[in-house]
């Protein structure tokens, strides 16, 4: 396949010798554009981040809570929303995915292996299917009940491994999981949060696991009656979560005072998630 003309944002990587050629565009999403690139005999993905304005403010606040910045000047500028502050916030958002990828790859989580991060471009492993082509996203795949149960089980293990490494994906769904030759691979981590340092971590973990249940439950309806999210979080809070933990899918909720504000927030999040899901489906068609 002939190489395409390199986008401006990739030209500096060519000049630095980090990549040789740009093969084709792989994906254009709301937060990034992804290209297939080559360097020597290796093929990689190059993820170019878009401007931050396309993300909602509430999401940015929830996801970036308690993230550390390099110095107090940056922190003040980010709080005031100055141009320098917005640039610092965008750099922090991008580096969060890079940091999470290295951290999770080191913990044995099924994520693309990162190779380099240069001038806002993330170079990482190209995840492929059994034919050597770019692996499809889960939302583009029809599964048998047995496949659905197997992939759901695999991804629960990955969610547990992530949490054991102190990370919650925060936006896990069939739209950011690739189906590689040897099983599902988790992608898109700029919104990953620190499990211990973010007050929204529990809510995000429960939503991630609920998204998996809803998707795979389409193919294996018995999964819709499982309750893995609260079980995983309870084990984590009690310091009993291990990568090889045996989960049951059952959890008895303790009676406690109802957090009305939290419930309304969950309802708003569910509505927003459903609207985003419908929009992505319309765009995919």
C-alpha atoms as a PDB file:
ATOM      1  CA  UNK A   1       0.000   0.000   0.000  1.00  0.00           C
ATOM      2  CA  UNK A   2       1.365   3.416  -0.987  1.00  0.00           C
ATOM      3  CA  UNK A   3       2.064   5.909   1.790  1.00  0.00           C
ATOM      4  CA  UNK A   4      -0.175   8.973   2.171  1.00  0.00           C
ATOM      5  CA  UNK A   5       0.909  12.579   2.543  1.00  0.00           C
ATOM      6  CA  UNK A   6       1.798  13.062   6.240  1.00  0.00           C
ATOM      7  CA  UNK A   7      -0.497  15.335   8.283  1.00  0.00           C
ATOM      8  CA  UNK A   8       1.213  18.443   9.666  1.00  0.00           C
ATOM      9  CA  UNK A   9       1.202  17.106  13.214  1.00  0.00           C
ATOM     10  CA  UNK A  10       3.199  14.023  12.142  1.00  0.00           C
ATOM     11  CA  UNK A  11       5.806  15.894  10.095  1.00  0.00           C
ATOM     12  CA  UNK A  12       7.989  16.599  13.148  1.00  0.00           C
ATOM     13  CA  UNK A  13       8.037  12.884  14.029  1.00  0.00           C
ATOM     14  CA  UNK A  14       9.318  12.102  10.532  1.00  0.00           C
ATOM     15  CA  UNK A  15      12.003  14.779  10.875  1.00  0.00           C
ATOM     16  CA  UNK A  16      13.034  13.305  14.236  1.00  0.00           C
ATOM     17  CA  UNK A  17      13.249   9.808  12.721  1.00  0.00           C
ATOM     18  CA  UNK A  18      10.507   8.441  14.975  1.00  0.00           C
ATOM     19  CA  UNK A  19       8.438   7.353  11.962  1.00  0.00           C
ATOM     20  CA  UNK A  20       9.267   6.842   8.285  1.00  0.00           C
ATOM     21  CA  UNK A  21       5.909   6.894   6.519  1.00  0.00           C
ATOM     22  CA  UNK A  22       2.201   7.416   7.166  1.00  0.00           C
ATOM     23  CA  UNK A  23       0.198   4.544   5.682  1.00  0.00           C
ATOM     24  CA  UNK A  24      -3.394   5.659   6.228  1.00  0.00           C
ATOM     25  CA  UNK A  25      -5.862   7.205   8.615  1.00  0.00           C
ATOM     26  CA  UNK A  26      -7.327   4.587  10.920  1.00  0.00           C
ATOM     27  CA  UNK A  27      -9.881   6.520  12.930  1.00  0.00           C
ATOM     28  CA  UNK A  28     -11.194  10.020  13.593  1.00  0.00           C
ATOM     29  CA  UNK A  29     -12.945  10.434  16.928  1.00  0.00           C
ATOM     30  CA  UNK A  30     -14.181  13.289  19.059  1.00  0.00           C
ATOM     31  CA  UNK A  31     -10.875  13.489  20.940  1.00  0.00           C
ATOM     32  CA  UNK A  32      -8.198  12.229  18.556  1.00  0.00           C
ATOM     33  CA  UNK A  33      -7.239  11.137  15.071  1.00  0.00           C
ATOM     34  CA  UNK A  34      -5.344   7.874  14.686  1.00  0.00           C
ATOM     35  CA  UNK A  35      -3.019   6.938  11.808  1.00  0.00           C
ATOM     36  CA  UNK A  36      -1.215   3.756  10.840  1.00  0.00           C
ATOM     37  CA  UNK A  37       2.491   4.568  10.503  1.00  0.00           C
ATOM     38  CA  UNK A  38       5.707   2.681   9.812  1.00  0.00           C
ATOM     39  CA  UNK A  39       9.173   2.934  11.258  1.00  0.00           C
ATOM     40  CA  UNK A  40      11.751   0.555   9.838  1.00  0.00           C
ATOM     41  CA  UNK A  41      10.035  -2.804   9.611  1.00  0.00           C
ATOM     42  CA  UNK A  42       7.545  -2.033  12.404  1.00  0.00           C
ATOM     43  CA  UNK A  43       3.956  -0.776  12.092  1.00  0.00           C
ATOM     44  CA  UNK A  44       2.478   1.439  14.803  1.00  0.00           C
ATOM     45  CA  UNK A  45      -0.504   3.638  15.628  1.00  0.00           C
ATOM     46  CA  UNK A  46       0.014   7.384  15.880  1.00  0.00           C
ATOM     47  CA  UNK A  47      -2.655   9.085  17.998  1.00  0.00           C
ATOM     48  CA  UNK A  48      -2.971  12.850  17.453  1.00  0.00           C
ATOM     49  CA  UNK A  49      -5.003  14.571  20.173  1.00  0.00           C
ATOM     50  CA  UNK A  50      -7.611  17.162  19.197  1.00  0.00           C
ATOM     51  CA  UNK A  51      -8.301  20.407  21.055  1.00  0.00           C
ATOM     52  CA  UNK A  52      -9.849  20.158  24.519  1.00  0.00           C
ATOM     53  CA  UNK A  53     -12.864  22.356  23.727  1.00  0.00           C
ATOM     54  CA  UNK A  54     -14.801  19.338  22.455  1.00  0.00           C
ATOM     55  CA  UNK A  55     -14.941  17.806  25.939  1.00  0.00           C
ATOM     56  CA  UNK A  56     -17.609  18.858  28.417  1.00  0.00           C
ATOM     57  CA  UNK A  57     -16.486  20.895  31.425  1.00  0.00           C
ATOM     58  CA  UNK A  58     -18.142  18.596  33.946  1.00  0.00           C
ATOM     59  CA  UNK A  59     -16.323  15.577  32.560  1.00  0.00           C
ATOM     60  CA  UNK A  60     -13.013  17.421  32.684  1.00  0.00           C
ATOM     61  CA  UNK A  61     -13.535  18.349  36.344  1.00  0.00           C
ATOM     62  CA  UNK A  62     -14.569  14.821  37.372  1.00  0.00           C
ATOM     63  CA  UNK A  63     -11.757  13.084  35.533  1.00  0.00           C
ATOM     64  CA  UNK A  64      -8.951  15.488  36.402  1.00  0.00           C
ATOM     65  CA  UNK A  65      -9.761  15.772  40.110  1.00  0.00           C
ATOM     66  CA  UNK A  66      -6.602  15.337  42.207  1.00  0.00           C
ATOM     67  CA  UNK A  67      -4.309  15.034  39.170  1.00  0.00           C
ATOM     68  CA  UNK A  68      -0.895  16.444  39.939  1.00  0.00           C
ATOM     69  CA  UNK A  69       0.610  19.260  37.864  1.00  0.00           C
ATOM     70  CA  UNK A  70       4.252  20.239  37.564  1.00  0.00           C
ATOM     71  CA  UNK A  71       4.157  23.477  39.565  1.00  0.00           C
ATOM     72  CA  UNK A  72       1.954  25.984  41.396  1.00  0.00           C
ATOM     73  CA  UNK A  73       2.033  28.452  38.471  1.00  0.00           C
ATOM     74  CA  UNK A  74       0.422  25.819  36.256  1.00  0.00           C
ATOM     75  CA  UNK A  75      -2.113  24.972  38.952  1.00  0.00           C
ATOM     76  CA  UNK A  76      -3.105  28.642  39.380  1.00  0.00           C
ATOM     77  CA  UNK A  77      -3.341  29.168  35.622  1.00  0.00           C
ATOM     78  CA  UNK A  78      -5.463  26.043  35.204  1.00  0.00           C
ATOM     79  CA  UNK A  79      -7.800  27.215  37.974  1.00  0.00           C
ATOM     80  CA  UNK A  80      -8.167  30.658  36.366  1.00  0.00           C
ATOM     81  CA  UNK A  81      -8.688  29.220  32.875  1.00  0.00           C
ATOM     82  CA  UNK A  82      -6.028  31.407  31.223  1.00  0.00           C
ATOM     83  CA  UNK A  83      -4.586  30.477  27.838  1.00  0.00           C
ATOM     84  CA  UNK A  84      -1.471  29.097  29.521  1.00  0.00           C
ATOM     85  CA  UNK A  85      -3.721  27.259  31.957  1.00  0.00           C
ATOM     86  CA  UNK A  86      -5.753  25.695  29.157  1.00  0.00           C
ATOM     87  CA  UNK A  87      -2.553  24.585  27.424  1.00  0.00           C
ATOM     88  CA  UNK A  88      -1.262  23.097  30.696  1.00  0.00           C
ATOM     89  CA  UNK A  89      -4.584  21.329  31.246  1.00  0.00           C
ATOM     90  CA  UNK A  90      -4.500  19.898  27.727  1.00  0.00           C
ATOM     91  CA  UNK A  91      -0.913  18.675  28.220  1.00  0.00           C
ATOM     92  CA  UNK A  92      -1.935  17.057  31.514  1.00  0.00           C
ATOM     93  CA  UNK A  93      -4.923  15.383  29.822  1.00  0.00           C
ATOM     94  CA  UNK A  94      -2.714  13.919  27.102  1.00  0.00           C
ATOM     95  CA  UNK A  95       0.062  12.811  29.425  1.00  0.00           C
ATOM     96  CA  UNK A  96      -2.539  11.073  31.628  1.00  0.00           C
ATOM     97  CA  UNK A  97      -3.154   8.525  28.858  1.00  0.00           C
ATOM     98  CA  UNK A  98       0.569   8.029  28.298  1.00  0.00           C
ATOM     99  CA  UNK A  99       1.187   7.565  32.030  1.00  0.00           C
ATOM    100  CA  UNK A 100      -1.777   5.179  32.327  1.00  0.00           C
ATOM    101  CA  UNK A 101      -0.635   3.091  29.344  1.00  0.00           C
ATOM    102  CA  UNK A 102       2.883   2.632  30.727  1.00  0.00           C
ATOM    103  CA  UNK A 103       1.526   1.906  34.202  1.00  0.00           C
ATOM    104  CA  UNK A 104      -1.059  -0.619  32.992  1.00  0.00           C
ATOM    105  CA  UNK A 105       1.213  -2.308  30.441  1.00  0.00           C
ATOM    106  CA  UNK A 106       3.702  -2.782  33.288  1.00  0.00           C
ATOM    107  CA  UNK A 107       0.955  -4.361  35.378  1.00  0.00           C
ATOM    108  CA  UNK A 108       0.116  -6.851  32.616  1.00  0.00           C
ATOM    109  CA  UNK A 109      -3.178  -5.243  31.591  1.00  0.00           C
ATOM    110  CA  UNK A 110      -4.292  -5.823  27.993  1.00  0.00           C
ATOM    111  CA  UNK A 111      -3.657  -2.340  26.552  1.00  0.00           C
ATOM    112  CA  UNK A 112      -1.674  -1.267  23.464  1.00  0.00           C
ATOM    113  CA  UNK A 113       2.022  -1.090  24.308  1.00  0.00           C
ATOM    114  CA  UNK A 114       3.198   2.547  24.228  1.00  0.00           C
ATOM    115  CA  UNK A 115       6.400   3.323  22.310  1.00  0.00           C
ATOM    116  CA  UNK A 116       6.856   7.095  22.398  1.00  0.00           C
ATOM    117  CA  UNK A 117       5.133  10.403  23.114  1.00  0.00           C
ATOM    118  CA  UNK A 118       6.369  13.413  21.163  1.00  0.00           C
ATOM    119  CA  UNK A 119       4.767  16.849  20.702  1.00  0.00           C
ATOM    120  CA  UNK A 120       1.240  15.711  21.461  1.00  0.00           C
ATOM    121  CA  UNK A 121       1.438  12.498  19.419  1.00  0.00           C
ATOM    122  CA  UNK A 122       1.315   9.082  21.079  1.00  0.00           C
ATOM    123  CA  UNK A 123       3.053   6.241  19.231  1.00  0.00           C
ATOM    124  CA  UNK A 124       1.838   2.816  20.297  1.00  0.00           C
ATOM    125  CA  UNK A 125       1.294  -0.765  19.238  1.00  0.00           C
ATOM    126  CA  UNK A 126      -1.125  -1.425  16.367  1.00  0.00           C
ATOM    127  CA  UNK A 127      -3.615  -3.989  17.694  1.00  0.00           C
ATOM    128  CA  UNK A 128      -4.449  -6.498  14.941  1.00  0.00           C
ATOM    129  CA  UNK A 129      -6.929  -9.288  14.230  1.00  0.00           C
ATOM    130  CA  UNK A 130      -6.177 -12.834  13.017  1.00  0.00           C
ATOM    131  CA  UNK A 131      -5.536 -11.537   9.487  1.00  0.00           C
ATOM    132  CA  UNK A 132      -3.002  -8.907  10.562  1.00  0.00           C
ATOM    133  CA  UNK A 133      -5.450  -6.059   9.903  1.00  0.00           C
ATOM    134  CA  UNK A 134      -6.361  -3.378  12.413  1.00  0.00           C
ATOM    135  CA  UNK A 135      -8.582  -5.020  15.031  1.00  0.00           C
ATOM    136  CA  UNK A 136     -12.276  -4.016  15.039  1.00  0.00           C
ATOM    137  CA  UNK A 137     -13.985  -2.326  17.957  1.00  0.00           C
ATOM    138  CA  UNK A 138     -16.372  -4.490  19.953  1.00  0.00           C
ATOM    139  CA  UNK A 139     -19.393  -2.479  18.833  1.00  0.00           C
ATOM    140  CA  UNK A 140     -18.713  -3.648  15.253  1.00  0.00           C
ATOM    141  CA  UNK A 141     -18.717  -7.344  16.179  1.00  0.00           C
ATOM    142  CA  UNK A 142     -21.536  -9.883  16.587  1.00  0.00           C
ATOM    143  CA  UNK A 143     -20.778 -12.528  19.210  1.00  0.00           C
ATOM    144  CA  UNK A 144     -22.075 -15.973  20.099  1.00  0.00           C
ATOM    145  CA  UNK A 145     -23.243 -16.435  23.712  1.00  0.00           C
ATOM    146  CA  UNK A 146     -20.069 -18.425  24.463  1.00  0.00           C
ATOM    147  CA  UNK A 147     -17.848 -15.703  22.997  1.00  0.00           C
ATOM    148  CA  UNK A 148     -19.722 -13.026  24.932  1.00  0.00           C
ATOM    149  CA  UNK A 149     -19.269 -14.883  28.221  1.00  0.00           C
ATOM    150  CA  UNK A 150     -15.578 -15.492  27.524  1.00  0.00           C
ATOM    151  CA  UNK A 151     -14.792 -11.877  26.537  1.00  0.00           C
ATOM    152  CA  UNK A 152     -16.840 -10.519  29.442  1.00  0.00           C
ATOM    153  CA  UNK A 153     -14.842 -12.709  31.827  1.00  0.00           C
ATOM    154  CA  UNK A 154     -11.555 -11.587  30.288  1.00  0.00           C
ATOM    155  CA  UNK A 155     -12.472  -7.919  30.594  1.00  0.00           C
ATOM    156  CA  UNK A 156     -13.547  -8.279  34.227  1.00  0.00           C
ATOM    157  CA  UNK A 157     -10.069  -9.667  34.931  1.00  0.00           C
ATOM    158  CA  UNK A 158      -8.577  -6.618  33.175  1.00  0.00           C
ATOM    159  CA  UNK A 159     -10.778  -4.224  35.186  1.00  0.00           C
ATOM    160  CA  UNK A 160      -9.556  -5.930  38.370  1.00  0.00           C
ATOM    161  CA  UNK A 161      -5.911  -5.733  37.213  1.00  0.00           C
ATOM    162  CA  UNK A 162      -6.367  -2.033  36.459  1.00  0.00           C
ATOM    163  CA  UNK A 163      -7.866  -1.379  39.883  1.00  0.00           C
ATOM    164  CA  UNK A 164      -5.062  -3.348  41.559  1.00  0.00           C
ATOM    165  CA  UNK A 165      -2.702  -0.975  39.723  1.00  0.00           C
ATOM    166  CA  UNK A 166      -4.682   1.971  41.131  1.00  0.00           C
ATOM    167  CA  UNK A 167      -6.429   2.938  37.892  1.00  0.00           C
ATOM    168  CA  UNK A 168     -10.087   3.185  36.816  1.00  0.00           C
ATOM    169  CA  UNK A 169     -10.690   3.547  33.060  1.00  0.00           C
ATOM    170  CA  UNK A 170     -13.623   5.915  33.543  1.00  0.00           C
ATOM    171  CA  UNK A 171     -15.183   5.518  30.093  1.00  0.00           C
ATOM    172  CA  UNK A 172     -15.058   1.794  29.379  1.00  0.00           C
ATOM    173  CA  UNK A 173     -17.558   0.509  26.812  1.00  0.00           C
ATOM    174  CA  UNK A 174     -17.748  -1.477  23.578  1.00  0.00           C
ATOM    175  CA  UNK A 175     -16.574   1.646  21.737  1.00  0.00           C
ATOM    176  CA  UNK A 176     -13.098   1.649  23.287  1.00  0.00           C
ATOM    177  CA  UNK A 177     -12.310  -2.053  23.351  1.00  0.00           C
ATOM    178  CA  UNK A 178     -10.652  -3.716  20.353  1.00  0.00           C
ATOM    179  CA  UNK A 179     -11.097  -7.401  19.560  1.00  0.00           C
ATOM    180  CA  UNK A 180      -7.583  -8.633  18.775  1.00  0.00           C
ATOM    181  CA  UNK A 181      -6.592 -12.076  17.561  1.00  0.00           C
ATOM    182  CA  UNK A 182      -6.043 -13.245  21.147  1.00  0.00           C
ATOM    183  CA  UNK A 183      -8.955 -11.418  22.790  1.00  0.00           C
ATOM    184  CA  UNK A 184     -10.116  -7.935  23.823  1.00  0.00           C
ATOM    185  CA  UNK A 185      -7.695  -5.023  24.285  1.00  0.00           C
ATOM    186  CA  UNK A 186      -8.643  -1.849  26.188  1.00  0.00           C
ATOM    187  CA  UNK A 187      -7.916   1.514  24.518  1.00  0.00           C
ATOM    188  CA  UNK A 188      -8.589   5.256  25.018  1.00  0.00           C
ATOM    189  CA  UNK A 189      -7.307   6.155  28.477  1.00  0.00           C
ATOM    190  CA  UNK A 190      -6.937   9.973  28.657  1.00  0.00           C
ATOM    191  CA  UNK A 191      -9.781  10.075  31.194  1.00  0.00           C
ATOM    192  CA  UNK A 192      -8.303   7.321  33.408  1.00  0.00           C
ATOM    193  CA  UNK A 193      -8.496   8.274  37.076  1.00  0.00           C
ATOM    194  CA  UNK A 194      -6.532   7.440  40.202  1.00  0.00           C
ATOM    195  CA  UNK A 195      -8.682   5.011  42.193  1.00  0.00           C
ATOM    196  CA  UNK A 196      -7.509   6.213  45.589  1.00  0.00           C
ATOM    197  CA  UNK A 197      -7.299   9.934  44.843  1.00  0.00           C
ATOM    198  CA  UNK A 198     -10.490  10.666  42.892  1.00  0.00           C
ATOM    199  CA  UNK A 199     -13.833  10.927  44.687  1.00  0.00           C
ATOM    200  CA  UNK A 200     -15.650   9.822  41.517  1.00  0.00           C
ATOM    201  CA  UNK A 201     -13.609   6.625  41.105  1.00  0.00           C
ATOM    202  CA  UNK A 202     -16.257   4.310  42.597  1.00  0.00           C
ATOM    203  CA  UNK A 203     -19.030   5.721  40.420  1.00  0.00           C
ATOM    204  CA  UNK A 204     -16.851   5.427  37.310  1.00  0.00           C
ATOM    205  CA  UNK A 205     -15.792   1.850  38.116  1.00  0.00           C
ATOM    206  CA  UNK A 206     -19.420   0.804  38.625  1.00  0.00           C
ATOM    207  CA  UNK A 207     -20.391   2.458  35.346  1.00  0.00           C
ATOM    208  CA  UNK A 208     -17.518   0.778  33.468  1.00  0.00           C
ATOM    209  CA  UNK A 209     -18.578  -2.667  34.698  1.00  0.00           C
ATOM    210  CA  UNK A 210     -22.268  -1.923  34.050  1.00  0.00           C
ATOM    211  CA  UNK A 211     -21.414  -0.945  30.446  1.00  0.00           C
ATOM    212  CA  UNK A 212     -19.689  -4.299  29.944  1.00  0.00           C
ATOM    213  CA  UNK A 213     -22.680  -6.127  31.427  1.00  0.00           C
ATOM    214  CA  UNK A 214     -25.142  -4.270  29.167  1.00  0.00           C
ATOM    215  CA  UNK A 215     -23.143  -4.908  25.987  1.00  0.00           C
ATOM    216  CA  UNK A 216     -22.327  -8.580  26.499  1.00  0.00           C
ATOM    217  CA  UNK A 217     -25.780  -9.180  27.971  1.00  0.00           C
ATOM    218  CA  UNK A 218     -27.203  -8.613  24.492  1.00  0.00           C
ATOM    219  CA  UNK A 219     -25.579 -11.893  23.427  1.00  0.00           C
ATOM    220  CA  UNK A 220     -25.646 -13.777  26.751  1.00  0.00           C
ATOM    221  CA  UNK A 221     -28.725 -12.514  28.668  1.00  0.00           C
ATOM    222  CA  UNK A 222     -27.777 -14.287  31.898  1.00  0.00           C
ATOM    223  CA  UNK A 223     -24.992 -11.713  32.337  1.00  0.00           C
ATOM    224  CA  UNK A 224     -27.633  -9.018  32.836  1.00  0.00           C
ATOM    225  CA  UNK A 225     -28.386 -10.523  36.262  1.00  0.00           C
ATOM    226  CA  UNK A 226     -24.796 -10.278  37.534  1.00  0.00           C
ATOM    227  CA  UNK A 227     -23.492  -7.678  39.963  1.00  0.00           C
ATOM    228  CA  UNK A 228     -19.710  -7.670  39.526  1.00  0.00           C
ATOM    229  CA  UNK A 229     -19.138  -3.911  39.913  1.00  0.00           C
ATOM    230  CA  UNK A 230     -20.112  -3.535  43.584  1.00  0.00           C
ATOM    231  CA  UNK A 231     -18.369  -6.829  44.383  1.00  0.00           C
ATOM    232  CA  UNK A 232     -15.095  -5.606  42.830  1.00  0.00           C
ATOM    233  CA  UNK A 233     -15.248  -2.224  44.558  1.00  0.00           C
ATOM    234  CA  UNK A 234     -16.108  -3.774  47.940  1.00  0.00           C
ATOM    235  CA  UNK A 235     -13.082  -6.097  47.712  1.00  0.00           C
ATOM    236  CA  UNK A 236     -10.898  -3.122  46.704  1.00  0.00           C
ATOM    237  CA  UNK A 237     -12.099  -0.974  49.620  1.00  0.00           C
ATOM    238  CA  UNK A 238     -11.449  -3.803  52.075  1.00  0.00           C
ATOM    239  CA  UNK A 239      -7.934  -4.343  50.717  1.00  0.00           C
ATOM    240  CA  UNK A 240      -8.809  -7.840  49.508  1.00  0.00           C
ATOM    241  CA  UNK A 241      -8.692  -7.313  45.737  1.00  0.00           C
ATOM    242  CA  UNK A 242      -6.019  -9.364  43.950  1.00  0.00           C
ATOM    243  CA  UNK A 243      -5.470  -9.881  40.188  1.00  0.00           C
ATOM    244  CA  UNK A 244      -6.383 -13.565  40.543  1.00  0.00           C
ATOM    245  CA  UNK A 245      -9.433 -13.035  42.768  1.00  0.00           C
ATOM    246  CA  UNK A 246     -12.391 -15.376  42.149  1.00  0.00           C
ATOM    247  CA  UNK A 247     -15.473 -13.225  41.512  1.00  0.00           C
ATOM    248  CA  UNK A 248     -19.030 -14.495  41.966  1.00  0.00           C
ATOM    249  CA  UNK A 249     -21.120 -11.766  40.330  1.00  0.00           C
ATOM    250  CA  UNK A 250     -23.290 -11.604  43.470  1.00  0.00           C
ATOM    251  CA  UNK A 251     -23.293  -8.810  46.010  1.00  0.00           C
ATOM    252  CA  UNK A 252     -25.619  -7.958  48.893  1.00  0.00           C
ATOM    253  CA  UNK A 253     -26.084  -4.200  49.183  1.00  0.00           C
ATOM    254  CA  UNK A 254     -26.023  -2.862  52.723  1.00  0.00           C
ATOM    255  CA  UNK A 255     -28.853  -0.526  53.689  1.00  0.00           C
ATOM    256  CA  UNK A 256     -27.571   2.998  54.104  1.00  0.00           C
ATOM    257  CA  UNK A 257     -28.751   6.587  53.788  1.00  0.00           C
ATOM    258  CA  UNK A 258     -29.660   7.504  50.240  1.00  0.00           C
ATOM    259  CA  UNK A 259     -27.447  10.113  48.593  1.00  0.00           C
ATOM    260  CA  UNK A 260     -30.086  11.965  46.574  1.00  0.00           C
ATOM    261  CA  UNK A 261     -27.507  14.169  44.863  1.00  0.00           C
ATOM    262  CA  UNK A 262     -25.504  11.098  43.871  1.00  0.00           C
ATOM    263  CA  UNK A 263     -28.598   9.365  42.521  1.00  0.00           C
ATOM    264  CA  UNK A 264     -29.491  12.393  40.386  1.00  0.00           C
ATOM    265  CA  UNK A 265     -25.913  12.524  39.142  1.00  0.00           C
ATOM    266  CA  UNK A 266     -26.142   8.862  38.111  1.00  0.00           C
ATOM    267  CA  UNK A 267     -29.392   9.560  36.252  1.00  0.00           C
ATOM    268  CA  UNK A 268     -27.777  12.499  34.423  1.00  0.00           C
ATOM    269  CA  UNK A 269     -24.753  10.369  33.554  1.00  0.00           C
ATOM    270  CA  UNK A 270     -26.962   7.552  32.256  1.00  0.00           C
ATOM    271  CA  UNK A 271     -28.868   9.979  30.043  1.00  0.00           C
ATOM    272  CA  UNK A 272     -25.657  11.545  28.740  1.00  0.00           C
ATOM    273  CA  UNK A 273     -24.148   8.101  28.086  1.00  0.00           C
ATOM    274  CA  UNK A 274     -27.244   6.983  26.186  1.00  0.00           C
ATOM    275  CA  UNK A 275     -27.246  10.180  24.087  1.00  0.00           C
ATOM    276  CA  UNK A 276     -23.536   9.717  23.295  1.00  0.00           C
ATOM    277  CA  UNK A 277     -24.110   6.039  22.450  1.00  0.00           C
ATOM    278  CA  UNK A 278     -26.909   6.925  20.017  1.00  0.00           C
ATOM    279  CA  UNK A 279     -24.780   9.646  18.420  1.00  0.00           C
ATOM    280  CA  UNK A 280     -21.862   7.216  17.946  1.00  0.00           C
ATOM    281  CA  UNK A 281     -24.159   4.646  16.412  1.00  0.00           C
ATOM    282  CA  UNK A 282     -25.571   7.240  14.002  1.00  0.00           C
ATOM    283  CA  UNK A 283     -22.038   8.369  13.094  1.00  0.00           C
ATOM    284  CA  UNK A 284     -20.932   4.756  12.540  1.00  0.00           C
ATOM    285  CA  UNK A 285     -23.743   4.219  10.031  1.00  0.00           C
END
